[in-house]
Amino acid sequence: MATTSFPDASPRKNKKAAAAAAPARRAPTGNGAPGGAAPADTCRAHVSPGDLVVTAADPGFARLFGLSADDICGYGLLDLLRSPVPARLREKFTALSSGSVRRFRERVTGRDGTGRDFQAEITGVAVRKPSGGTAGFIVFLRRSEDAVSAGPVLDALDAQVLEGVAGGESTVQLASRLYLSRQGIEYRVGQMLRRFDVSNRPALVARAHALGMFAAGQWPPRVLPERVR
């Protein structure tokens, strides 16, 4: 089954890139006013162009990942954060670097120091050299506790069952693939029918889509990692 590629629980660190120079010019901050203060619940980091490695970060940003402000330098931003759609976050930075957009916002998922996923919103802005090229990026990260609690969270096995149901697999196919009995599959499907307050499998899939359980544009269907405990 084709799956979205996600980083592992220990993001890769690039110590060479961590020594990159600080951005050359002050960039707009999180409230959109150059030189203004970012909102209190927003943290930020400087990221190098090209490889998107963290070169500096405030303590709040590093703390989200269970690291110190010094230790997080050298980690790849795309190893720390991921977008629901593969490669979309890198595409956003490419557009920012080219100047086709002035800033972007994107919903992302990170992993904290205990290995648990959290959801956040990232805002990226480019730092320009006097010549007009891109010296780097400043990213603002705002964790959203409300977004995490806005929908159901399934255990890993139930998530696989739901993905199979959404992909059209029968009880027999699911039982064979997940090494469960047919009764075990029916029990788990029945539990989800009651939890989602629906009467049949098509309605279960429709309800799960309406609640934002699945990653957009993925086939076979894939439950978002923040919806799996």
C-alpha atoms as a PDB file:
ATOM      1  CA  MET A   1       0.000   0.000   0.000  1.00  0.00           C
ATOM      2  CA  ALA A   2       1.413   3.385  -0.943  1.00  0.00           C
ATOM      3  CA  THR A   3       2.014   5.574   2.067  1.00  0.00           C
ATOM      4  CA  THR A   4       3.018   9.110   2.850  1.00  0.00           C
ATOM      5  CA  SER A   5       6.685   9.378   3.757  1.00  0.00           C
ATOM      6  CA  PHE A   6       7.219  10.789   7.240  1.00  0.00           C
ATOM      7  CA  PRO A   7      10.418  11.427   9.183  1.00  0.00           C
ATOM      8  CA  ASP A   8      11.345   9.191  12.085  1.00  0.00           C
ATOM      9  CA  ALA A   9      11.205  10.193  15.725  1.00  0.00           C
ATOM     10  CA  SER A  10      14.823  11.425  15.739  1.00  0.00           C
ATOM     11  CA  PRO A  11      15.203  14.221  13.176  1.00  0.00           C
ATOM     12  CA  ARG A  12      18.528  14.303  11.362  1.00  0.00           C
ATOM     13  CA  LYS A  13      21.006  16.964  12.395  1.00  0.00           C
ATOM     14  CA  ASN A  14      23.349  18.732  10.002  1.00  0.00           C
ATOM     15  CA  LYS A  15      26.089  20.275  12.116  1.00  0.00           C
ATOM     16  CA  LYS A  16      27.866  21.819   9.155  1.00  0.00           C
ATOM     17  CA  ALA A  17      24.797  23.762   8.137  1.00  0.00           C
ATOM     18  CA  ALA A  18      24.270  24.873  11.732  1.00  0.00           C
ATOM     19  CA  ALA A  19      27.297  27.116  11.388  1.00  0.00           C
ATOM     20  CA  ALA A  20      25.639  29.123   8.604  1.00  0.00           C
ATOM     21  CA  ALA A  21      25.638  32.896   8.992  1.00  0.00           C
ATOM     22  CA  ALA A  22      22.638  34.632  10.526  1.00  0.00           C
ATOM     23  CA  PRO A  23      20.146  36.203   8.110  1.00  0.00           C
ATOM     24  CA  ALA A  24      21.389  39.417   6.547  1.00  0.00           C
ATOM     25  CA  ARG A  25      18.283  41.550   6.858  1.00  0.00           C
ATOM     26  CA  ARG A  26      15.493  41.883   9.364  1.00  0.00           C
ATOM     27  CA  ALA A  27      12.306  40.294   8.093  1.00  0.00           C
ATOM     28  CA  PRO A  28       8.663  40.900   8.920  1.00  0.00           C
ATOM     29  CA  THR A  29       7.572  39.174  12.102  1.00  0.00           C
ATOM     30  CA  GLY A  30       4.499  37.120  12.892  1.00  0.00           C
ATOM     31  CA  ASN A  31       2.031  39.997  13.046  1.00  0.00           C
ATOM     32  CA  GLY A  32       2.939  41.213   9.569  1.00  0.00           C
ATOM     33  CA  ALA A  33       4.603  44.475  10.687  1.00  0.00           C
ATOM     34  CA  PRO A  34       8.358  44.756  10.082  1.00  0.00           C
ATOM     35  CA  GLY A  35      10.141  44.839  13.403  1.00  0.00           C
ATOM     36  CA  GLY A  36       6.924  44.191  15.371  1.00  0.00           C
ATOM     37  CA  ALA A  37       6.545  41.600  18.099  1.00  0.00           C
ATOM     38  CA  ALA A  38       5.170  38.179  17.276  1.00  0.00           C
ATOM     39  CA  PRO A  39       2.099  36.951  19.192  1.00  0.00           C
ATOM     40  CA  ALA A  40       2.892  35.565  22.640  1.00  0.00           C
ATOM     41  CA  ASP A  41       2.042  31.977  21.695  1.00  0.00           C
ATOM     42  CA  THR A  42       4.205  32.042  18.561  1.00  0.00           C
ATOM     43  CA  CYS A  43       7.834  30.922  18.497  1.00  0.00           C
ATOM     44  CA  ARG A  44      10.341  31.298  15.695  1.00  0.00           C
ATOM     45  CA  ALA A  45      13.491  30.004  14.100  1.00  0.00           C
ATOM     46  CA  HIS A  46      15.925  30.992  11.343  1.00  0.00           C
ATOM     47  CA  VAL A  47      16.358  28.472   8.540  1.00  0.00           C
ATOM     48  CA  SER A  48      19.068  28.304   5.902  1.00  0.00           C
ATOM     49  CA  PRO A  49      18.122  28.435   2.207  1.00  0.00           C
ATOM     50  CA  GLY A  50      18.339  25.321   0.085  1.00  0.00           C
ATOM     51  CA  ASP A  51      18.736  22.626   2.747  1.00  0.00           C
ATOM     52  CA  LEU A  52      16.258  24.245   5.205  1.00  0.00           C
ATOM     53  CA  VAL A  53      18.432  23.609   8.252  1.00  0.00           C
ATOM     54  CA  VAL A  54      17.710  25.438  11.521  1.00  0.00           C
ATOM     55  CA  THR A  55      20.511  27.943  12.191  1.00  0.00           C
ATOM     56  CA  ALA A  56      18.975  29.721  15.201  1.00  0.00           C
ATOM     57  CA  ALA A  57      15.809  29.369  17.253  1.00  0.00           C
ATOM     58  CA  ASP A  58      14.208  30.859  20.316  1.00  0.00           C
ATOM     59  CA  PRO A  59      13.862  28.587  23.371  1.00  0.00           C
ATOM     60  CA  GLY A  60      10.110  28.171  22.841  1.00  0.00           C
ATOM     61  CA  PHE A  61      10.599  26.772  19.344  1.00  0.00           C
ATOM     62  CA  ALA A  62      13.224  24.284  20.499  1.00  0.00           C
ATOM     63  CA  ARG A  63      11.178  23.263  23.535  1.00  0.00           C
ATOM     64  CA  LEU A  64       8.337  22.070  21.290  1.00  0.00           C
ATOM     65  CA  PHE A  65      10.677  19.300  20.087  1.00  0.00           C
ATOM     66  CA  GLY A  66      12.212  18.524  23.489  1.00  0.00           C
ATOM     67  CA  LEU A  67      15.467  20.321  22.645  1.00  0.00           C
ATOM     68  CA  SER A  68      17.383  23.385  23.779  1.00  0.00           C
ATOM     69  CA  ALA A  69      17.915  26.453  21.586  1.00  0.00           C
ATOM     70  CA  ASP A  70      21.526  25.369  21.039  1.00  0.00           C
ATOM     71  CA  ASP A  71      20.800  21.700  20.384  1.00  0.00           C
ATOM     72  CA  ILE A  72      18.144  22.298  17.740  1.00  0.00           C
ATOM     73  CA  CYS A  73      20.609  24.143  15.482  1.00  0.00           C
ATOM     74  CA  GLY A  74      21.584  21.818  12.659  1.00  0.00           C
ATOM     75  CA  TYR A  75      18.293  19.939  12.478  1.00  0.00           C
ATOM     76  CA  GLY A  76      16.488  19.889   9.153  1.00  0.00           C
ATOM     77  CA  LEU A  77      13.160  21.700   9.362  1.00  0.00           C
ATOM     78  CA  LEU A  78      11.543  19.067   7.130  1.00  0.00           C
ATOM     79  CA  ASP A  79      12.653  16.398   9.614  1.00  0.00           C
ATOM     80  CA  LEU A  80      11.055  18.330  12.473  1.00  0.00           C
ATOM     81  CA  LEU A  81       7.794  19.191  10.697  1.00  0.00           C
ATOM     82  CA  ARG A  82       5.677  17.556   8.027  1.00  0.00           C
ATOM     83  CA  SER A  83       2.730  18.630   5.924  1.00  0.00           C
ATOM     84  CA  PRO A  84      -0.305  16.379   5.322  1.00  0.00           C
ATOM     85  CA  VAL A  85       0.586  16.400   1.616  1.00  0.00           C
ATOM     86  CA  PRO A  86       4.078  15.069   0.792  1.00  0.00           C
ATOM     87  CA  ALA A  87       6.552  17.655  -0.555  1.00  0.00           C
ATOM     88  CA  ARG A  88       4.089  20.532  -0.153  1.00  0.00           C
ATOM     89  CA  LEU A  89       6.082  22.225   2.594  1.00  0.00           C
ATOM     90  CA  ARG A  90       9.255  22.217   0.483  1.00  0.00           C
ATOM     91  CA  GLU A  91       7.252  23.596  -2.448  1.00  0.00           C
ATOM     92  CA  LYS A  92       6.113  26.474  -0.228  1.00  0.00           C
ATOM     93  CA  PHE A  93       9.721  27.369   0.583  1.00  0.00           C
ATOM     94  CA  THR A  94      10.677  27.116  -3.091  1.00  0.00           C
ATOM     95  CA  ALA A  95       7.942  29.609  -3.975  1.00  0.00           C
ATOM     96  CA  LEU A  96       9.078  31.864  -1.144  1.00  0.00           C
ATOM     97  CA  SER A  97      12.685  31.753  -2.318  1.00  0.00           C
ATOM     98  CA  SER A  98      11.739  32.554  -5.917  1.00  0.00           C
ATOM     99  CA  GLY A  99       9.743  35.579  -4.808  1.00  0.00           C
ATOM    100  CA  SER A 100       6.473  34.295  -6.266  1.00  0.00           C
ATOM    101  CA  VAL A 101       4.927  34.610  -2.791  1.00  0.00           C
ATOM    102  CA  ARG A 102       5.811  36.994   0.045  1.00  0.00           C
ATOM    103  CA  ARG A 103       4.889  34.582   2.815  1.00  0.00           C
ATOM    104  CA  PHE A 104       2.976  31.373   3.330  1.00  0.00           C
ATOM    105  CA  ARG A 105       1.005  29.621   6.026  1.00  0.00           C
ATOM    106  CA  GLU A 106       0.655  25.889   6.297  1.00  0.00           C
ATOM    107  CA  ARG A 107      -0.781  23.378   8.759  1.00  0.00           C
ATOM    108  CA  VAL A 108       1.929  20.987   9.902  1.00  0.00           C
ATOM    109  CA  THR A 109       2.560  18.181  12.357  1.00  0.00           C
ATOM    110  CA  GLY A 110       5.600  17.931  14.624  1.00  0.00           C
ATOM    111  CA  ARG A 111       6.817  15.454  17.200  1.00  0.00           C
ATOM    112  CA  ASP A 112       7.673  16.504  20.740  1.00  0.00           C
ATOM    113  CA  GLY A 113      10.386  15.196  23.029  1.00  0.00           C
ATOM    114  CA  THR A 114       8.188  12.332  24.266  1.00  0.00           C
ATOM    115  CA  GLY A 115       7.478  11.084  20.736  1.00  0.00           C
ATOM    116  CA  ARG A 116       3.917  12.400  20.644  1.00  0.00           C
ATOM    117  CA  ASP A 117       2.660  14.286  17.603  1.00  0.00           C
ATOM    118  CA  PHE A 118       1.305  17.816  17.821  1.00  0.00           C
ATOM    119  CA  GLN A 119      -0.376  20.029  15.240  1.00  0.00           C
ATOM    120  CA  ALA A 120       0.666  23.599  14.505  1.00  0.00           C
ATOM    121  CA  GLU A 121       0.556  26.371  11.936  1.00  0.00           C
ATOM    122  CA  ILE A 122       3.787  27.517  10.332  1.00  0.00           C
ATOM    123  CA  THR A 123       4.296  30.911   8.696  1.00  0.00           C
ATOM    124  CA  GLY A 124       7.370  31.396   6.519  1.00  0.00           C
ATOM    125  CA  VAL A 125       8.960  34.634   5.305  1.00  0.00           C
ATOM    126  CA  ALA A 126      12.140  35.138   3.297  1.00  0.00           C
ATOM    127  CA  VAL A 127      15.155  37.150   4.406  1.00  0.00           C
ATOM    128  CA  ARG A 128      16.655  38.925   1.387  1.00  0.00           C
ATOM    129  CA  LYS A 129      20.246  39.868   0.687  1.00  0.00           C
ATOM    130  CA  PRO A 130      20.975  43.447  -0.450  1.00  0.00           C
ATOM    131  CA  SER A 131      21.440  41.964  -3.931  1.00  0.00           C
ATOM    132  CA  GLY A 132      17.914  40.576  -3.826  1.00  0.00           C
ATOM    133  CA  GLY A 133      18.818  36.891  -3.351  1.00  0.00           C
ATOM    134  CA  THR A 134      17.541  34.774  -0.481  1.00  0.00           C
ATOM    135  CA  ALA A 135      19.743  34.777   2.608  1.00  0.00           C
ATOM    136  CA  GLY A 136      17.452  32.444   4.509  1.00  0.00           C
ATOM    137  CA  PHE A 137      14.011  32.169   6.035  1.00  0.00           C
ATOM    138  CA  ILE A 138      12.314  33.018   9.290  1.00  0.00           C
ATOM    139  CA  VAL A 139       9.595  30.606  10.338  1.00  0.00           C
ATOM    140  CA  PHE A 140       6.960  31.284  12.974  1.00  0.00           C
ATOM    141  CA  LEU A 141       5.358  28.275  14.609  1.00  0.00           C
ATOM    142  CA  ARG A 142       2.104  28.383  16.516  1.00  0.00           C
ATOM    143  CA  ARG A 143       1.021  25.191  18.190  1.00  0.00           C
ATOM    144  CA  SER A 144      -2.691  24.486  18.024  1.00  0.00           C
ATOM    145  CA  GLU A 145      -3.999  22.408  20.903  1.00  0.00           C
ATOM    146  CA  ASP A 146      -7.558  23.011  19.682  1.00  0.00           C
ATOM    147  CA  ALA A 147      -6.765  21.456  16.311  1.00  0.00           C
ATOM    148  CA  VAL A 148      -5.495  18.288  17.971  1.00  0.00           C
ATOM    149  CA  SER A 149      -8.652  17.887  20.050  1.00  0.00           C
ATOM    150  CA  ALA A 150     -11.032  18.860  17.245  1.00  0.00           C
ATOM    151  CA  GLY A 151     -11.527  15.306  15.980  1.00  0.00           C
ATOM    152  CA  PRO A 152     -11.383  11.664  17.088  1.00  0.00           C
ATOM    153  CA  VAL A 153      -8.083   9.932  17.769  1.00  0.00           C
ATOM    154  CA  LEU A 154      -7.833   6.212  16.967  1.00  0.00           C
ATOM    155  CA  ASP A 155      -5.419   3.558  18.097  1.00  0.00           C
ATOM    156  CA  ALA A 156      -3.059   2.296  15.398  1.00  0.00           C
ATOM    157  CA  LEU A 157      -5.028  -0.869  14.610  1.00  0.00           C
ATOM    158  CA  ASP A 158      -8.372   0.914  14.330  1.00  0.00           C
ATOM    159  CA  ALA A 159      -6.721   3.448  12.014  1.00  0.00           C
ATOM    160  CA  GLN A 160      -5.568   0.617   9.737  1.00  0.00           C
ATOM    161  CA  VAL A 161      -9.047  -0.900   9.739  1.00  0.00           C
ATOM    162  CA  LEU A 162     -10.579   2.467   8.862  1.00  0.00           C
ATOM    163  CA  GLU A 163      -8.055   2.957   6.039  1.00  0.00           C
ATOM    164  CA  GLY A 164      -8.936  -0.480   4.672  1.00  0.00           C
ATOM    165  CA  VAL A 165     -12.673   0.168   4.845  1.00  0.00           C
ATOM    166  CA  ALA A 166     -12.177   3.501   3.078  1.00  0.00           C
ATOM    167  CA  GLY A 167     -10.102   1.740   0.426  1.00  0.00           C
ATOM    168  CA  GLY A 168     -12.852  -0.802  -0.274  1.00  0.00           C
ATOM    169  CA  GLU A 169     -11.343  -3.850   1.438  1.00  0.00           C
ATOM    170  CA  SER A 170     -13.700  -6.549   2.633  1.00  0.00           C
ATOM    171  CA  THR A 171     -13.724  -8.074   6.104  1.00  0.00           C
ATOM    172  CA  VAL A 172     -11.881 -11.139   4.780  1.00  0.00           C
ATOM    173  CA  GLN A 173      -9.206  -9.000   3.096  1.00  0.00           C
ATOM    174  CA  LEU A 174      -8.715  -6.889   6.209  1.00  0.00           C
ATOM    175  CA  ALA A 175      -8.516  -9.955   8.437  1.00  0.00           C
ATOM    176  CA  SER A 176      -5.865 -11.494   6.192  1.00  0.00           C
ATOM    177  CA  ARG A 177      -3.761  -8.333   5.906  1.00  0.00           C
ATOM    178  CA  LEU A 178      -3.930  -7.374   9.593  1.00  0.00           C
ATOM    179  CA  TYR A 179      -3.662 -10.957  10.939  1.00  0.00           C
ATOM    180  CA  LEU A 180      -6.964 -10.710  12.782  1.00  0.00           C
ATOM    181  CA  SER A 181     -10.040 -12.907  12.793  1.00  0.00           C
ATOM    182  CA  ARG A 182     -13.092 -11.850  10.816  1.00  0.00           C
ATOM    183  CA  GLN A 183     -14.892 -11.430  14.123  1.00  0.00           C
ATOM    184  CA  GLY A 184     -12.103  -9.144  15.308  1.00  0.00           C
ATOM    185  CA  ILE A 185     -12.485  -6.932  12.237  1.00  0.00           C
ATOM    186  CA  GLU A 186     -16.270  -6.820  12.609  1.00  0.00           C
ATOM    187  CA  TYR A 187     -15.927  -5.922  16.272  1.00  0.00           C
ATOM    188  CA  ARG A 188     -13.599  -3.011  15.528  1.00  0.00           C
ATOM    189  CA  VAL A 189     -15.772  -1.760  12.678  1.00  0.00           C
ATOM    190  CA  GLY A 190     -18.827  -1.993  14.934  1.00  0.00           C
ATOM    191  CA  GLN A 191     -17.068  -0.003  17.648  1.00  0.00           C
ATOM    192  CA  MET A 192     -16.252   2.740  15.142  1.00  0.00           C
ATOM    193  CA  LEU A 193     -19.810   2.764  13.798  1.00  0.00           C
ATOM    194  CA  ARG A 194     -21.069   3.482  17.296  1.00  0.00           C
ATOM    195  CA  ARG A 195     -18.340   5.998  18.036  1.00  0.00           C
ATOM    196  CA  PHE A 196     -18.943   7.938  14.819  1.00  0.00           C
ATOM    197  CA  ASP A 197     -22.730   7.554  15.235  1.00  0.00           C
ATOM    198  CA  VAL A 198     -23.341   6.025  11.800  1.00  0.00           C
ATOM    199  CA  SER A 199     -25.152   2.904  10.640  1.00  0.00           C
ATOM    200  CA  ASN A 200     -22.947   1.396   7.914  1.00  0.00           C
ATOM    201  CA  ARG A 201     -19.465   1.385   6.400  1.00  0.00           C
ATOM    202  CA  PRO A 202     -20.041   3.969   3.626  1.00  0.00           C
ATOM    203  CA  ALA A 203     -21.429   6.363   6.218  1.00  0.00           C
ATOM    204  CA  LEU A 204     -18.420   5.658   8.463  1.00  0.00           C
ATOM    205  CA  VAL A 205     -16.024   6.609   5.665  1.00  0.00           C
ATOM    206  CA  ALA A 206     -18.029   9.727   4.807  1.00  0.00           C
ATOM    207  CA  ARG A 207     -18.120  10.764   8.449  1.00  0.00           C
ATOM    208  CA  ALA A 208     -14.374  10.232   8.837  1.00  0.00           C
ATOM    209  CA  HIS A 209     -13.731  12.409   5.764  1.00  0.00           C
ATOM    210  CA  ALA A 210     -16.015  15.118   7.164  1.00  0.00           C
ATOM    211  CA  LEU A 211     -14.057  15.084  10.435  1.00  0.00           C
ATOM    212  CA  GLY A 212     -10.741  15.521   8.613  1.00  0.00           C
ATOM    213  CA  MET A 213      -9.392  12.092   9.540  1.00  0.00           C
ATOM    214  CA  PHE A 214      -7.695  11.393   6.196  1.00  0.00           C
ATOM    215  CA  ALA A 215      -4.694  13.015   4.526  1.00  0.00           C
ATOM    216  CA  ALA A 216      -5.772  15.007   1.487  1.00  0.00           C
ATOM    217  CA  GLY A 217      -4.956  13.591  -1.946  1.00  0.00           C
ATOM    218  CA  GLN A 218      -3.761  10.189  -0.685  1.00  0.00           C
ATOM    219  CA  TRP A 219      -4.681   6.844  -2.205  1.00  0.00           C
ATOM    220  CA  PRO A 220      -5.019   4.352  -0.677  1.00  0.00           C
ATOM    221  CA  PRO A 221      -6.593   6.453   2.117  1.00  0.00           C
ATOM    222  CA  ARG A 222      -4.278   7.316   4.987  1.00  0.00           C
ATOM    223  CA  VAL A 223      -5.366   8.459   8.445  1.00  0.00           C
ATOM    224  CA  LEU A 224      -3.473  11.593   9.502  1.00  0.00           C
ATOM    225  CA  PRO A 225      -0.718  10.798  12.036  1.00  0.00           C
ATOM    226  CA  GLU A 226      -2.130  13.294  14.549  1.00  0.00           C
ATOM    227  CA  ARG A 227      -5.346  11.220  14.572  1.00  0.00           C
ATOM    228  CA  VAL A 228      -3.457   8.081  15.660  1.00  0.00           C
ATOM    229  CA  ARG A 229      -2.254   7.469  19.200  1.00  0.00           C
END
